[in-house]
Amino acid sequence: MKSTFPKTKVSFITLTLLFSLAHQSFSQKFILLQHGSNTKSALRYQIGEELTYKSTRFDYFVTDVIVDIKTDIIVLSENILQPKDITVVDIRNKDPRNQTIKNLSLLSMGAGVIYLLVNTVNSLYQQGDLSRLQDSWVLSAGLLAGGYGISKLRYKEFRHKGDNKIQIVILYGD
């Protein structure tokens, strides 16, 4: 039985797909938000990600999707910007340090709730009333308040001033 595609056409299509995938995997364009020379806390925004920012043209936050990144401009789905036009970037959902802070605050608040619950059950079981809770509510309230206080320490905004810089990084030529 004869095949419908000759081997040369199949191999040509396979090579074309392979080269196009290889080109896509090695190309990198991103926006880098960095404080001074600290590379550990640098944030990267790549094509297809949402960027929430304030511009020099308006004083409110705008959320837009990055469509393309050129050498001197950022092409968004509804706007075109230069990095110098961005004054503030909202990084609440982007910064990985916020996840650690969230986990610490939930841990502290959970410990306060569990401590209060365990002391309530112990007091009811051993004495039949809630007389033992007078000694334990202070620690529970302290743990809950501490967890709430820690949750307010999240990184919210990246301001484009001083040592903070917004750079466009393109790791291949167009």
Protein backbone atom coordinates (compact mmCIF):
# COMPACT_ATOMS: atom_id res chain seq x y z
CA MET A 1 0.00 0.00 0.00
CA LYS A 2 1.31 3.41 -0.95
CA SER A 3 1.44 6.24 1.61
CA THR A 4 -0.31 9.49 0.83
CA PHE A 5 2.62 11.67 1.85
CA PRO A 6 6.07 11.03 0.50
CA LYS A 7 8.80 10.69 3.13
CA THR A 8 10.48 13.90 2.03
CA LYS A 9 7.37 16.00 2.67
CA VAL A 10 6.88 14.47 6.11
CA SER A 11 10.51 15.04 7.05
CA PHE A 12 10.36 18.63 5.73
CA ILE A 13 7.26 19.39 7.79
CA THR A 14 8.82 17.78 10.84
CA LEU A 15 12.02 19.80 10.49
CA THR A 16 10.05 23.03 9.97
CA LEU A 17 8.03 22.43 13.13
CA LEU A 18 11.14 21.48 15.07
CA PHE A 19 13.00 24.66 14.07
CA SER A 20 10.02 26.88 14.84
CA LEU A 21 9.63 25.30 18.28
CA ALA A 22 13.36 25.61 18.95
CA HIS A 23 13.27 29.29 17.98
CA GLN A 24 10.36 29.94 20.33
CA SER A 25 11.99 28.15 23.24
CA PHE A 26 15.25 30.10 23.04
CA SER A 27 13.75 33.54 22.52
CA GLN A 28 13.16 35.55 25.67
CA LYS A 29 11.67 38.99 26.02
CA PHE A 30 10.67 40.32 29.41
CA ILE A 31 10.30 43.42 31.54
CA LEU A 32 12.59 43.45 34.57
CA LEU A 33 11.67 45.31 37.77
CA GLN A 34 14.77 45.57 39.91
CA HIS A 35 15.83 47.43 43.04
CA GLY A 36 19.45 48.52 42.63
CA SER A 37 21.73 45.60 41.84
CA ASN A 38 19.69 43.10 43.89
CA THR A 39 18.88 40.26 41.49
CA LYS A 40 17.21 38.04 44.10
CA SER A 41 14.10 40.20 44.36
CA ALA A 42 13.93 41.15 40.67
CA LEU A 43 10.54 40.52 39.08
CA ARG A 44 9.97 39.49 35.48
CA TYR A 45 6.90 40.18 33.36
CA GLN A 46 6.78 38.19 30.13
CA ILE A 47 4.57 38.34 27.06
CA GLY A 48 1.04 37.20 27.87
CA GLU A 49 1.12 38.25 31.54
CA GLU A 50 -1.05 40.94 33.08
CA LEU A 51 0.61 44.19 34.10
CA THR A 52 -1.15 46.52 36.56
CA TYR A 53 0.46 49.96 36.47
CA LYS A 54 0.10 53.72 36.91
CA SER A 55 1.39 55.94 34.15
CA THR A 56 2.55 59.54 34.00
CA ARG A 57 -0.57 60.24 31.90
CA PHE A 58 -3.13 59.12 34.51
CA ASP A 59 -3.20 58.69 38.27
CA TYR A 60 -5.06 55.38 38.59
CA PHE A 61 -4.13 51.75 38.12
CA VAL A 62 -4.71 50.12 34.74
CA THR A 63 -4.54 46.36 34.19
CA ASP A 64 -3.47 45.30 30.71
CA VAL A 65 -1.99 42.23 29.02
CA ILE A 66 1.52 42.41 27.53
CA VAL A 67 1.26 41.62 23.81
CA ASP A 68 4.81 42.32 22.67
CA ILE A 69 8.04 43.83 23.94
CA LYS A 70 10.18 45.89 21.57
CA THR A 71 13.59 47.43 22.25
CA ASP A 72 12.19 50.69 23.62
CA ILE A 73 8.41 50.17 24.03
CA ILE A 74 5.99 47.80 25.71
CA VAL A 75 3.02 46.89 23.53
CA LEU A 76 -0.05 46.16 25.64
CA SER A 77 -3.47 45.04 24.45
CA GLU A 78 -4.91 48.55 24.84
CA ASN A 79 -1.88 50.81 25.16
CA ILE A 80 1.74 51.37 24.15
CA LEU A 81 4.20 52.48 26.83
CA GLN A 82 7.82 53.27 27.36
CA PRO A 83 9.38 52.11 30.65
CA LYS A 84 9.99 55.73 31.67
CA ASP A 85 6.22 56.41 31.45
CA ILE A 86 5.42 53.87 34.18
CA THR A 87 5.44 55.38 37.68
CA VAL A 88 4.10 52.50 39.83
CA VAL A 89 3.56 48.77 39.21
CA ASP A 90 1.20 46.74 41.42
CA ILE A 91 3.13 43.61 42.48
CA ARG A 92 0.73 42.05 45.03
CA ASN A 93 0.14 38.92 42.97
CA LYS A 94 3.56 38.77 41.31
CA ASP A 95 6.09 38.97 44.13
CA PRO A 96 6.93 35.49 45.53
CA ARG A 97 7.85 37.01 48.90
CA ASN A 98 4.16 37.82 49.39
CA GLN A 99 3.32 34.11 49.41
CA THR A 100 5.77 33.57 52.28
CA ILE A 101 4.25 36.46 54.23
CA LYS A 102 0.76 35.10 53.58
CA ASN A 103 1.79 31.65 54.82
CA LEU A 104 3.35 33.09 58.00
CA SER A 105 0.26 35.15 58.79
CA LEU A 106 -2.07 32.20 58.20
CA LEU A 107 0.15 30.02 60.37
CA SER A 108 0.01 32.50 63.25
CA MET A 109 -3.75 33.02 62.97
CA GLY A 110 -4.35 29.29 62.70
CA ALA A 111 -2.24 28.67 65.79
CA GLY A 112 -4.32 31.22 67.71
CA VAL A 113 -7.59 29.60 66.68
CA ILE A 114 -6.33 26.08 67.44
CA TYR A 115 -4.95 27.16 70.84
CA LEU A 116 -8.29 28.72 71.77
CA LEU A 117 -10.22 25.68 70.52
CA VAL A 118 -8.01 23.20 72.41
CA ASN A 119 -8.29 25.17 75.65
CA THR A 120 -12.07 25.40 75.24
CA VAL A 121 -12.37 21.63 74.77
CA ASN A 122 -10.01 20.92 77.69
CA SER A 123 -11.88 23.31 79.96
CA LEU A 124 -15.23 21.77 79.08
CA TYR A 125 -13.90 18.24 79.48
CA GLN A 126 -12.00 18.68 82.75
CA GLN A 127 -14.17 21.19 84.63
CA GLY A 128 -17.47 21.21 82.77
CA ASP A 129 -17.44 24.99 82.25
CA LEU A 130 -15.38 27.68 80.50
CA SER A 131 -13.51 28.94 83.57
CA ARG A 132 -10.11 27.96 82.15
CA LEU A 133 -10.46 30.26 79.12
CA GLN A 134 -9.65 33.37 81.15
CA ASP A 135 -5.98 32.39 81.15
CA SER A 136 -5.70 31.44 77.47
CA TRP A 137 -7.59 34.09 75.53
CA VAL A 138 -4.73 36.60 75.78
CA LEU A 139 -2.27 34.32 73.96
CA SER A 140 -4.88 33.40 71.36
CA ALA A 141 -5.73 37.05 70.74
CA GLY A 142 -2.02 37.86 70.50
CA LEU A 143 -1.47 35.16 67.88
CA LEU A 144 -4.49 36.35 65.87
CA ALA A 145 -3.38 40.00 66.06
CA GLY A 146 0.20 39.04 65.17
CA GLY A 147 -1.00 37.11 62.11
CA TYR A 148 -3.14 40.05 61.04
CA GLY A 149 -0.20 42.42 61.51
CA ILE A 150 2.10 40.19 59.47
CA SER A 151 -0.46 40.03 56.66
CA LYS A 152 -0.30 43.82 56.31
CA LEU A 153 3.47 43.70 55.61
CA ARG A 154 2.96 42.46 52.03
CA TYR A 155 4.82 44.09 49.14
CA LYS A 156 2.19 46.07 47.27
CA GLU A 157 3.83 48.48 44.84
CA PHE A 158 7.03 48.89 42.89
CA ARG A 159 7.73 52.61 42.49
CA HIS A 160 9.86 53.64 39.52
CA LYS A 161 12.17 56.12 41.26
CA GLY A 162 15.55 56.17 42.93
CA ASP A 163 17.33 52.80 42.75
CA ASN A 164 14.23 51.07 41.40
CA LYS A 165 14.44 50.59 37.66
CA ILE A 166 12.24 49.12 34.96
CA GLN A 167 14.20 47.58 32.11
CA ILE A 168 13.31 45.85 28.87
CA VAL A 169 15.41 42.73 28.34
CA ILE A 170 15.56 41.01 24.96
CA LEU A 171 17.85 37.99 24.82
CA TYR A 172 17.85 37.61 21.04
CA GLY A 173 17.70 39.89 18.01
CA ASP A 174 14.52 40.39 15.98
